[in-house]
Amino acid sequence: MAARFAALSHPARIEILRYLSGSNACCCKDVVARLDLAQSTVSQHLKILVDAGLVRFSPEKQRSRYEVDHAALTAFSRTVAGLVEHCCAGGEEQNPKA
């Protein structure tokens, strides 16, 4: 879970996820054309998203393709919602030292 939070902690990676969510699988070059970032920077951000399991990577002959793993993103969202609900359900009585 921490790796996924870390992957979502950078604004560029959020923008990459937004772009990928609105398109079919695309290559790094497509993301570079959309964002004002160098190809090497986009590649690093994509690798972090792939390593966190939020984006799928499909190597192809000419170009590697990236796409959002919607199932993983939905599962992570549900986990976070459950965590927030559990932690915040009792109000301040849950953590009197805070």
PDB file of N, CA and C in Angstrom:
ATOM      1  N   MET A   1       0.827  -1.182   0.000  1.00  0.00           N
ATOM      2  CA  MET A   1       0.000   0.000   0.000  1.00  0.00           C
ATOM      3  C   MET A   1       0.873   1.248   0.000  1.00  0.00           C
ATOM      4  N   ALA A   2       1.974   1.214   0.748  1.00  0.00           N
ATOM      5  CA  ALA A   2       2.856   2.383   0.826  1.00  0.00           C
ATOM      6  C   ALA A   2       3.441   2.732  -0.541  1.00  0.00           C
ATOM      7  N   ALA A   3       3.778   1.711  -1.326  1.00  0.00           N
ATOM      8  CA  ALA A   3       4.333   1.965  -2.665  1.00  0.00           C
ATOM      9  C   ALA A   3       3.306   2.665  -3.555  1.00  0.00           C
ATOM     10  N   ARG A   4       2.052   2.315  -3.371  1.00  0.00           N
ATOM     11  CA  ARG A   4       1.008   2.961  -4.178  1.00  0.00           C
ATOM     12  C   ARG A   4       0.792   4.404  -3.735  1.00  0.00           C
ATOM     13  N   PHE A   5       0.803   4.643  -2.423  1.00  0.00           N
ATOM     14  CA  PHE A   5       0.714   6.026  -1.949  1.00  0.00           C
ATOM     15  C   PHE A   5       1.894   6.838  -2.473  1.00  0.00           C
ATOM     16  N   ALA A   6       3.092   6.260  -2.406  1.00  0.00           N
ATOM     17  CA  ALA A   6       4.287   6.962  -2.883  1.00  0.00           C
ATOM     18  C   ALA A   6       4.175   7.255  -4.381  1.00  0.00           C
ATOM     19  N   ALA A   7       3.670   6.285  -5.132  1.00  0.00           N
ATOM     20  CA  ALA A   7       3.529   6.485  -6.576  1.00  0.00           C
ATOM     21  C   ALA A   7       2.559   7.617  -6.896  1.00  0.00           C
ATOM     22  N   LEU A   8       1.571   7.810  -6.049  1.00  0.00           N
ATOM     23  CA  LEU A   8       0.575   8.858  -6.274  1.00  0.00           C
ATOM     24  C   LEU A   8       0.954  10.190  -5.645  1.00  0.00           C
ATOM     25  N   SER A   9       2.137  10.254  -5.058  1.00  0.00           N
ATOM     26  CA  SER A   9       2.537  11.459  -4.324  1.00  0.00           C
ATOM     27  C   SER A   9       3.147  12.552  -5.201  1.00  0.00           C
ATOM     28  N   HIS A  10       3.348  12.277  -6.463  1.00  0.00           N
ATOM     29  CA  HIS A  10       3.961  13.267  -7.353  1.00  0.00           C
ATOM     30  C   HIS A  10       2.924  13.780  -8.356  1.00  0.00           C
ATOM     31  N   PRO A  11       2.818  15.094  -8.518  1.00  0.00           N
ATOM     32  CA  PRO A  11       1.809  15.649  -9.435  1.00  0.00           C
ATOM     33  C   PRO A  11       1.935  15.150 -10.877  1.00  0.00           C
ATOM     34  N   ALA A  12       3.148  14.924 -11.339  1.00  0.00           N
ATOM     35  CA  ALA A  12       3.330  14.443 -12.716  1.00  0.00           C
ATOM     36  C   ALA A  12       2.736  13.048 -12.884  1.00  0.00           C
ATOM     37  N   ARG A  13       2.876  12.213 -11.865  1.00  0.00           N
ATOM     38  CA  ARG A  13       2.323  10.862 -11.964  1.00  0.00           C
ATOM     39  C   ARG A  13       0.793  10.884 -11.933  1.00  0.00           C
ATOM     40  N   ILE A  14       0.222  11.826 -11.204  1.00  0.00           N
ATOM     41  CA  ILE A  14      -1.232  11.990 -11.217  1.00  0.00           C
ATOM     42  C   ILE A  14      -1.681  12.396 -12.628  1.00  0.00           C
ATOM     43  N   GLU A  15      -0.950  13.319 -13.238  1.00  0.00           N
ATOM     44  CA  GLU A  15      -1.284  13.748 -14.604  1.00  0.00           C
ATOM     45  C   GLU A  15      -1.140  12.595 -15.591  1.00  0.00           C
ATOM     46  N   ILE A  16      -0.108  11.793 -15.412  1.00  0.00           N
ATOM     47  CA  ILE A  16       0.087  10.633 -16.289  1.00  0.00           C
ATOM     48  C   ILE A  16      -1.088   9.671 -16.139  1.00  0.00           C
ATOM     49  N   LEU A  17      -1.503   9.402 -14.907  1.00  0.00           N
ATOM     50  CA  LEU A  17      -2.656   8.524 -14.682  1.00  0.00           C
ATOM     51  C   LEU A  17      -3.920   9.091 -15.323  1.00  0.00           C
ATOM     52  N   ARG A  18      -4.120  10.391 -15.186  1.00  0.00           N
ATOM     53  CA  ARG A  18      -5.291  11.024 -15.815  1.00  0.00           C
ATOM     54  C   ARG A  18      -5.259  10.841 -17.327  1.00  0.00           C
ATOM     55  N   TYR A  19      -4.098  11.063 -17.906  1.00  0.00           N
ATOM     56  CA  TYR A  19      -3.970  10.919 -19.352  1.00  0.00           C
ATOM     57  C   TYR A  19      -4.225   9.474 -19.780  1.00  0.00           C
ATOM     58  N   LEU A  20      -3.584   8.539 -19.089  1.00  0.00           N
ATOM     59  CA  LEU A  20      -3.751   7.132 -19.440  1.00  0.00           C
ATOM     60  C   LEU A  20      -5.191   6.666 -19.233  1.00  0.00           C
ATOM     61  N   SER A  21      -5.859   7.200 -18.229  1.00  0.00           N
ATOM     62  CA  SER A  21      -7.249   6.812 -17.954  1.00  0.00           C
ATOM     63  C   SER A  21      -8.187   7.223 -19.076  1.00  0.00           C
ATOM     64  N   GLY A  22      -7.856   8.297 -19.749  1.00  0.00           N
ATOM     65  CA  GLY A  22      -8.713   8.802 -20.814  1.00  0.00           C
ATOM     66  C   GLY A  22      -8.363   8.285 -22.188  1.00  0.00           C
ATOM     67  N   SER A  23      -7.433   7.354 -22.261  1.00  0.00           N
ATOM     68  CA  SER A  23      -7.026   6.846 -23.569  1.00  0.00           C
ATOM     69  C   SER A  23      -6.823   5.341 -23.503  1.00  0.00           C
ATOM     70  N   ASN A  24      -6.690   4.750 -24.671  1.00  0.00           N
ATOM     71  CA  ASN A  24      -6.326   3.341 -24.725  1.00  0.00           C
ATOM     72  C   ASN A  24      -4.849   3.235 -24.384  1.00  0.00           C
ATOM     73  N   ALA A  25      -4.327   2.053 -24.387  1.00  0.00           N
ATOM     74  CA  ALA A  25      -2.905   1.869 -24.125  1.00  0.00           C
ATOM     75  C   ALA A  25      -2.101   2.764 -25.056  1.00  0.00           C
ATOM     76  N   CYS A  26      -1.103   3.421 -24.507  1.00  0.00           N
ATOM     77  CA  CYS A  26      -0.289   4.316 -25.327  1.00  0.00           C
ATOM     78  C   CYS A  26       1.180   4.155 -24.963  1.00  0.00           C
ATOM     79  N   CYS A  27       2.036   4.716 -25.767  1.00  0.00           N
ATOM     80  CA  CYS A  27       3.468   4.608 -25.527  1.00  0.00           C
ATOM     81  C   CYS A  27       3.971   5.847 -24.781  1.00  0.00           C
ATOM     82  N   CYS A  28       5.189   5.763 -24.315  1.00  0.00           N
ATOM     83  CA  CYS A  28       5.802   6.856 -23.563  1.00  0.00           C
ATOM     84  C   CYS A  28       5.793   8.146 -24.382  1.00  0.00           C
ATOM     85  N   LYS A  29       6.047   8.020 -25.678  1.00  0.00           N
ATOM     86  CA  LYS A  29       6.082   9.183 -26.571  1.00  0.00           C
ATOM     87  C   LYS A  29       4.755   9.950 -26.537  1.00  0.00           C
ATOM     88  N   ASP A  30       3.641   9.226 -26.459  1.00  0.00           N
ATOM     89  CA  ASP A  30       2.322   9.867 -26.388  1.00  0.00           C
ATOM     90  C   ASP A  30       2.178  10.690 -25.115  1.00  0.00           C
ATOM     91  N   VAL A  31       2.677  10.153 -24.011  1.00  0.00           N
ATOM     92  CA  VAL A  31       2.601  10.857 -22.724  1.00  0.00           C
ATOM     93  C   VAL A  31       3.503  12.085 -22.756  1.00  0.00           C
ATOM     94  N   VAL A  32       4.694  11.946 -23.330  1.00  0.00           N
ATOM     95  CA  VAL A  32       5.626  13.072 -23.445  1.00  0.00           C
ATOM     96  C   VAL A  32       4.988  14.204 -24.244  1.00  0.00           C
ATOM     97  N   ALA A  33       4.289  13.862 -25.323  1.00  0.00           N
ATOM     98  CA  ALA A  33       3.635  14.877 -26.150  1.00  0.00           C
ATOM     99  C   ALA A  33       2.549  15.616 -25.375  1.00  0.00           C
ATOM    100  N   ARG A  34       1.959  14.960 -24.414  1.00  0.00           N
ATOM    101  CA  ARG A  34       0.872  15.556 -23.623  1.00  0.00           C
ATOM    102  C   ARG A  34       1.398  16.424 -22.476  1.00  0.00           C
ATOM    103  N   LEU A  35       2.506  16.003 -21.861  1.00  0.00           N
ATOM    104  CA  LEU A  35       3.060  16.714 -20.703  1.00  0.00           C
ATOM    105  C   LEU A  35       4.312  17.483 -21.098  1.00  0.00           C
ATOM    106  N   ASP A  36       4.641  18.483 -20.344  1.00  0.00           N
ATOM    107  CA  ASP A  36       5.841  19.277 -20.607  1.00  0.00           C
ATOM    108  C   ASP A  36       7.012  18.704 -19.810  1.00  0.00           C
ATOM    109  N   LEU A  37       7.348  17.443 -20.111  1.00  0.00           N
ATOM    110  CA  LEU A  37       8.429  16.753 -19.413  1.00  0.00           C
ATOM    111  C   LEU A  37       9.306  16.025 -20.421  1.00  0.00           C
ATOM    112  N   ALA A  38      10.553  15.823 -20.057  1.00  0.00           N
ATOM    113  CA  ALA A  38      11.482  15.085 -20.911  1.00  0.00           C
ATOM    114  C   ALA A  38      11.077  13.612 -20.971  1.00  0.00           C
ATOM    115  N   GLN A  39      11.452  12.955 -22.056  1.00  0.00           N
ATOM    116  CA  GLN A  39      11.131  11.541 -22.233  1.00  0.00           C
ATOM    117  C   GLN A  39      11.698  10.698 -21.099  1.00  0.00           C
ATOM    118  N   SER A  40      12.921  10.997 -20.672  1.00  0.00           N
ATOM    119  CA  SER A  40      13.532  10.214 -19.594  1.00  0.00           C
ATOM    120  C   SER A  40      12.768  10.382 -18.281  1.00  0.00           C
ATOM    121  N   THR A  41      12.256  11.576 -18.035  1.00  0.00           N
ATOM    122  CA  THR A  41      11.477  11.839 -16.821  1.00  0.00           C
ATOM    123  C   THR A  41      10.162  11.077 -16.860  1.00  0.00           C
ATOM    124  N   VAL A  42       9.484  11.118 -17.995  1.00  0.00           N
ATOM    125  CA  VAL A  42       8.221  10.386 -18.136  1.00  0.00           C
ATOM    126  C   VAL A  42       8.463   8.889 -17.974  1.00  0.00           C
ATOM    127  N   SER A  43       9.540   8.384 -18.547  1.00  0.00           N
ATOM    128  CA  SER A  43       9.873   6.963 -18.409  1.00  0.00           C
ATOM    129  C   SER A  43      10.057   6.573 -16.949  1.00  0.00           C
ATOM    130  N   GLN A  44      10.746   7.413 -16.190  1.00  0.00           N
ATOM    131  CA  GLN A  44      10.947   7.133 -14.761  1.00  0.00           C
ATOM    132  C   GLN A  44       9.620   7.125 -14.015  1.00  0.00           C
ATOM    133  N   HIS A  45       8.765   8.101 -14.306  1.00  0.00           N
ATOM    134  CA  HIS A  45       7.460   8.158 -13.645  1.00  0.00           C
ATOM    135  C   HIS A  45       6.607   6.939 -14.017  1.00  0.00           C
ATOM    136  N   LEU A  46       6.632   6.546 -15.272  1.00  0.00           N
ATOM    137  CA  LEU A  46       5.880   5.368 -15.697  1.00  0.00           C
ATOM    138  C   LEU A  46       6.380   4.113 -14.997  1.00  0.00           C
ATOM    139  N   LYS A  47       7.687   3.998 -14.843  1.00  0.00           N
ATOM    140  CA  LYS A  47       8.253   2.835 -14.153  1.00  0.00           C
ATOM    141  C   LYS A  47       7.759   2.766 -12.713  1.00  0.00           C
ATOM    142  N   ILE A  48       7.706   3.893 -12.042  1.00  0.00           N
ATOM    143  CA  ILE A  48       7.215   3.931 -10.659  1.00  0.00           C
ATOM    144  C   ILE A  48       5.754   3.491 -10.606  1.00  0.00           C
ATOM    145  N   LEU A  49       4.949   3.966 -11.540  1.00  0.00           N
ATOM    146  CA  LEU A  49       3.536   3.581 -11.581  1.00  0.00           C
ATOM    147  C   LEU A  49       3.365   2.095 -11.896  1.00  0.00           C
ATOM    148  N   VAL A  50       4.205   1.574 -12.774  1.00  0.00           N
ATOM    149  CA  VAL A  50       4.170   0.144 -13.098  1.00  0.00           C
ATOM    150  C   VAL A  50       4.598  -0.674 -11.883  1.00  0.00           C
ATOM    151  N   ASP A  51       5.703  -0.278 -11.250  1.00  0.00           N
ATOM    152  CA  ASP A  51       6.202  -1.004 -10.078  1.00  0.00           C
ATOM    153  C   ASP A  51       5.193  -1.008  -8.932  1.00  0.00           C
ATOM    154  N   ALA A  52       4.388   0.051  -8.837  1.00  0.00           N
ATOM    155  CA  ALA A  52       3.364   0.137  -7.793  1.00  0.00           C
ATOM    156  C   ALA A  52       2.114  -0.667  -8.160  1.00  0.00           C
ATOM    157  N   GLY A  53       2.063  -1.157  -9.385  1.00  0.00           N
ATOM    158  CA  GLY A  53       0.927  -1.965  -9.813  1.00  0.00           C
ATOM    159  C   GLY A  53      -0.286  -1.170 -10.251  1.00  0.00           C
ATOM    160  N   LEU A  54      -0.108   0.112 -10.517  1.00  0.00           N
ATOM    161  CA  LEU A  54      -1.231   0.953 -10.934  1.00  0.00           C
ATOM    162  C   LEU A  54      -1.346   1.074 -12.451  1.00  0.00           C
ATOM    163  N   VAL A  55      -0.250   0.786 -13.136  1.00  0.00           N
ATOM    164  CA  VAL A  55      -0.203   0.856 -14.603  1.00  0.00           C
ATOM    165  C   VAL A  55       0.377  -0.455 -15.114  1.00  0.00           C
ATOM    166  N   ARG A  56      -0.199  -0.956 -16.200  1.00  0.00           N
ATOM    167  CA  ARG A  56       0.317  -2.170 -16.840  1.00  0.00           C
ATOM    168  C   ARG A  56       1.250  -1.791 -17.981  1.00  0.00           C
ATOM    169  N   PHE A  57       2.284  -2.579 -18.140  1.00  0.00           N
ATOM    170  CA  PHE A  57       3.302  -2.373 -19.169  1.00  0.00           C
ATOM    171  C   PHE A  57       3.275  -3.566 -20.105  1.00  0.00           C
ATOM    172  N   SER A  58       3.175  -3.302 -21.398  1.00  0.00           N
ATOM    173  CA  SER A  58       3.181  -4.365 -22.402  1.00  0.00           C
ATOM    174  C   SER A  58       4.272  -4.074 -23.422  1.00  0.00           C
ATOM    175  N   PRO A  59       5.385  -4.804 -23.354  1.00  0.00           N
ATOM    176  CA  PRO A  59       6.441  -4.572 -24.342  1.00  0.00           C
ATOM    177  C   PRO A  59       5.997  -5.067 -25.723  1.00  0.00           C
ATOM    178  N   GLU A  60       6.242  -4.254 -26.717  1.00  0.00           N
ATOM    179  CA  GLU A  60       5.937  -4.624 -28.095  1.00  0.00           C
ATOM    180  C   GLU A  60       7.194  -4.412 -28.927  1.00  0.00           C
ATOM    181  N   LYS A  61       7.167  -4.839 -30.170  1.00  0.00           N
ATOM    182  CA  LYS A  61       8.359  -4.762 -31.016  1.00  0.00           C
ATOM    183  C   LYS A  61       8.887  -3.344 -31.153  1.00  0.00           C
ATOM    184  N   GLN A  62       8.056  -2.437 -31.587  1.00  0.00           N
ATOM    185  CA  GLN A  62       8.502  -1.069 -31.842  1.00  0.00           C
ATOM    186  C   GLN A  62       8.344  -0.151 -30.632  1.00  0.00           C
ATOM    187  N   ARG A  63       7.234  -0.294 -29.932  1.00  0.00           N
ATOM    188  CA  ARG A  63       6.945   0.608 -28.814  1.00  0.00           C
ATOM    189  C   ARG A  63       6.338  -0.178 -27.663  1.00  0.00           C
ATOM    190  N   SER A  64       6.725   0.168 -26.472  1.00  0.00           N
ATOM    191  CA  SER A  64       6.103  -0.415 -25.293  1.00  0.00           C
ATOM    192  C   SER A  64       4.822   0.348 -25.010  1.00  0.00           C
ATOM    193  N   ARG A  65       3.815  -0.346 -24.554  1.00  0.00           N
ATOM    194  CA  ARG A  65       2.511   0.262 -24.310  1.00  0.00           C
ATOM    195  C   ARG A  65       2.216   0.291 -22.814  1.00  0.00           C
ATOM    196  N   TYR A  66       1.560   1.353 -22.376  1.00  0.00           N
ATOM    197  CA  TYR A  66       1.177   1.532 -20.980  1.00  0.00           C
ATOM    198  C   TYR A  66      -0.324   1.764 -20.908  1.00  0.00           C
ATOM    199  N   GLU A  67      -0.940   1.200 -19.871  1.00  0.00           N
ATOM    200  CA  GLU A  67      -2.356   1.457 -19.637  1.00  0.00           C
ATOM    201  C   GLU A  67      -2.644   1.342 -18.145  1.00  0.00           C
ATOM    202  N   VAL A  68      -3.642   2.081 -17.707  1.00  0.00           N
ATOM    203  CA  VAL A  68      -4.035   2.050 -16.300  1.00  0.00           C
ATOM    204  C   VAL A  68      -4.584   0.667 -15.978  1.00  0.00           C
ATOM    205  N   ASP A  69      -4.188   0.137 -14.838  1.00  0.00           N
ATOM    206  CA  ASP A  69      -4.778  -1.105 -14.334  1.00  0.00           C
ATOM    207  C   ASP A  69      -5.985  -0.688 -13.497  1.00  0.00           C
ATOM    208  N   HIS A  70      -7.135  -0.599 -14.145  1.00  0.00           N
ATOM    209  CA  HIS A  70      -8.339  -0.090 -13.484  1.00  0.00           C
ATOM    210  C   HIS A  70      -8.745  -0.949 -12.290  1.00  0.00           C
ATOM    211  N   ALA A  71      -8.569  -2.257 -12.391  1.00  0.00           N
ATOM    212  CA  ALA A  71      -8.924  -3.139 -11.275  1.00  0.00           C
ATOM    213  C   ALA A  71      -8.044  -2.850 -10.062  1.00  0.00           C
ATOM    214  N   ALA A  72      -6.754  -2.669 -10.285  1.00  0.00           N
ATOM    215  CA  ALA A  72      -5.837  -2.373  -9.175  1.00  0.00           C
ATOM    216  C   ALA A  72      -6.133  -1.009  -8.570  1.00  0.00           C
ATOM    217  N   LEU A  73      -6.425  -0.032  -9.411  1.00  0.00           N
ATOM    218  CA  LEU A  73      -6.735   1.312  -8.922  1.00  0.00           C
ATOM    219  C   LEU A  73      -8.037   1.317  -8.121  1.00  0.00           C
ATOM    220  N   THR A  74      -9.029   0.575  -8.581  1.00  0.00           N
ATOM    221  CA  THR A  74     -10.298   0.467  -7.855  1.00  0.00           C
ATOM    222  C   THR A  74     -10.097  -0.235  -6.520  1.00  0.00           C
ATOM    223  N   ALA A  75      -9.331  -1.315  -6.511  1.00  0.00           N
ATOM    224  CA  ALA A  75      -9.065  -2.035  -5.261  1.00  0.00           C
ATOM    225  C   ALA A  75      -8.324  -1.145  -4.267  1.00  0.00           C
ATOM    226  N   PHE A  76      -7.357  -0.379  -4.755  1.00  0.00           N
ATOM    227  CA  PHE A  76      -6.615   0.531  -3.880  1.00  0.00           C
ATOM    228  C   PHE A  76      -7.542   1.599  -3.318  1.00  0.00           C
ATOM    229  N   SER A  77      -8.405   2.131  -4.162  1.00  0.00           N
ATOM    230  CA  SER A  77      -9.365   3.146  -3.726  1.00  0.00           C
ATOM    231  C   SER A  77     -10.274   2.602  -2.629  1.00  0.00           C
ATOM    232  N   ARG A  78     -10.740   1.384  -2.792  1.00  0.00           N
ATOM    233  CA  ARG A  78     -11.596   0.760  -1.772  1.00  0.00           C
ATOM    234  C   ARG A  78     -10.832   0.530  -0.470  1.00  0.00           C
ATOM    235  N   THR A  79      -9.590   0.113  -0.584  1.00  0.00           N
ATOM    236  CA  THR A  79      -8.773  -0.098   0.606  1.00  0.00           C
ATOM    237  C   THR A  79      -8.584   1.203   1.369  1.00  0.00           C
ATOM    238  N   VAL A  80      -8.282   2.268   0.646  1.00  0.00           N
ATOM    239  CA  VAL A  80      -8.099   3.580   1.282  1.00  0.00           C
ATOM    240  C   VAL A  80      -9.405   4.042   1.914  1.00  0.00           C
ATOM    241  N   ALA A  81     -10.518   3.875   1.216  1.00  0.00           N
ATOM    242  CA  ALA A  81     -11.819   4.275   1.767  1.00  0.00           C
ATOM    243  C   ALA A  81     -12.121   3.501   3.043  1.00  0.00           C
ATOM    244  N   GLY A  82     -11.833   2.209   3.048  1.00  0.00           N
ATOM    245  CA  GLY A  82     -12.046   1.398   4.246  1.00  0.00           C
ATOM    246  C   GLY A  82     -11.149   1.827   5.388  1.00  0.00           C
ATOM    247  N   LEU A  83      -9.919   2.151   5.074  1.00  0.00           N
ATOM    248  CA  LEU A  83      -8.977   2.617   6.088  1.00  0.00           C
ATOM    249  C   LEU A  83      -9.446   3.926   6.703  1.00  0.00           C
ATOM    250  N   VAL A  84      -9.863   4.852   5.872  1.00  0.00           N
ATOM    251  CA  VAL A  84     -10.349   6.146   6.359  1.00  0.00           C
ATOM    252  C   VAL A  84     -11.604   5.951   7.197  1.00  0.00           C
ATOM    253  N   GLU A  85     -12.505   5.110   6.721  1.00  0.00           N
ATOM    254  CA  GLU A  85     -13.742   4.864   7.463  1.00  0.00           C
ATOM    255  C   GLU A  85     -13.444   4.248   8.827  1.00  0.00           C
ATOM    256  N   HIS A  86     -12.552   3.282   8.863  1.00  0.00           N
ATOM    257  CA  HIS A  86     -12.197   2.617  10.118  1.00  0.00           C
ATOM    258  C   HIS A  86     -11.498   3.576  11.078  1.00  0.00           C
ATOM    259  N   CYS A  87     -10.578   4.342  10.568  1.00  0.00           N
ATOM    260  CA  CYS A  87      -9.806   5.251  11.418  1.00  0.00           C
ATOM    261  C   CYS A  87     -10.621   6.445  11.898  1.00  0.00           C
ATOM    262  N   CYS A  88     -11.554   6.879  11.102  1.00  0.00           N
ATOM    263  CA  CYS A  88     -12.291   8.108  11.416  1.00  0.00           C
ATOM    264  C   CYS A  88     -13.693   7.856  11.947  1.00  0.00           C
ATOM    265  N   ALA A  89     -14.094   6.617  12.070  1.00  0.00           N
ATOM    266  CA  ALA A  89     -15.472   6.302  12.451  1.00  0.00           C
ATOM    267  C   ALA A  89     -15.831   6.783  13.844  1.00  0.00           C
ATOM    268  N   GLY A  90     -14.872   6.718  14.773  1.00  0.00           N
ATOM    269  CA  GLY A  90     -15.188   7.055  16.155  1.00  0.00           C
ATOM    270  C   GLY A  90     -14.884   8.476  16.539  1.00  0.00           C
ATOM    271  N   GLY A  91     -14.465   9.280  15.605  1.00  0.00           N
ATOM    272  CA  GLY A  91     -14.125  10.663  15.943  1.00  0.00           C
ATOM    273  C   GLY A  91     -12.910  10.724  16.840  1.00  0.00           C
ATOM    274  N   GLU A  92     -12.865  11.699  17.726  1.00  0.00           N
ATOM    275  CA  GLU A  92     -11.699  11.909  18.577  1.00  0.00           C
ATOM    276  C   GLU A  92     -11.569  10.869  19.674  1.00  0.00           C
ATOM    277  N   GLU A  93     -12.641  10.148  19.999  1.00  0.00           N
ATOM    278  CA  GLU A  93     -12.552   9.122  21.035  1.00  0.00           C
ATOM    279  C   GLU A  93     -11.591   8.005  20.649  1.00  0.00           C
ATOM    280  N   GLN A  94     -11.380   7.798  19.341  1.00  0.00           N
ATOM    281  CA  GLN A  94     -10.491   6.745  18.871  1.00  0.00           C
ATOM    282  C   GLN A  94      -9.044   7.001  19.271  1.00  0.00           C
ATOM    283  N   ASN A  95      -8.632   8.255  19.317  1.00  0.00           N
ATOM    284  CA  ASN A  95      -7.250   8.595  19.601  1.00  0.00           C
ATOM    285  C   ASN A  95      -7.221   9.786  20.555  1.00  0.00           C
ATOM    286  N   PRO A  96      -7.413   9.544  21.858  1.00  0.00           N
ATOM    287  CA  PRO A  96      -7.510  10.660  22.800  1.00  0.00           C
ATOM    288  C   PRO A  96      -6.226  11.463  22.959  1.00  0.00           C
ATOM    289  N   LYS A  97      -5.074  10.927  22.556  1.00  0.00           N
ATOM    290  CA  LYS A  97      -3.801  11.640  22.704  1.00  0.00           C
ATOM    291  C   LYS A  97      -3.569  12.633  21.577  1.00  0.00           C
ATOM    292  N   ALA A  98      -4.345  12.548  20.528  1.00  0.00           N
ATOM    293  CA  ALA A  98      -4.134  13.423  19.365  1.00  0.00           C
ATOM    294  C   ALA A  98      -4.524  14.845  19.659  1.00  0.00           C
TER     295      ALA A  98
END
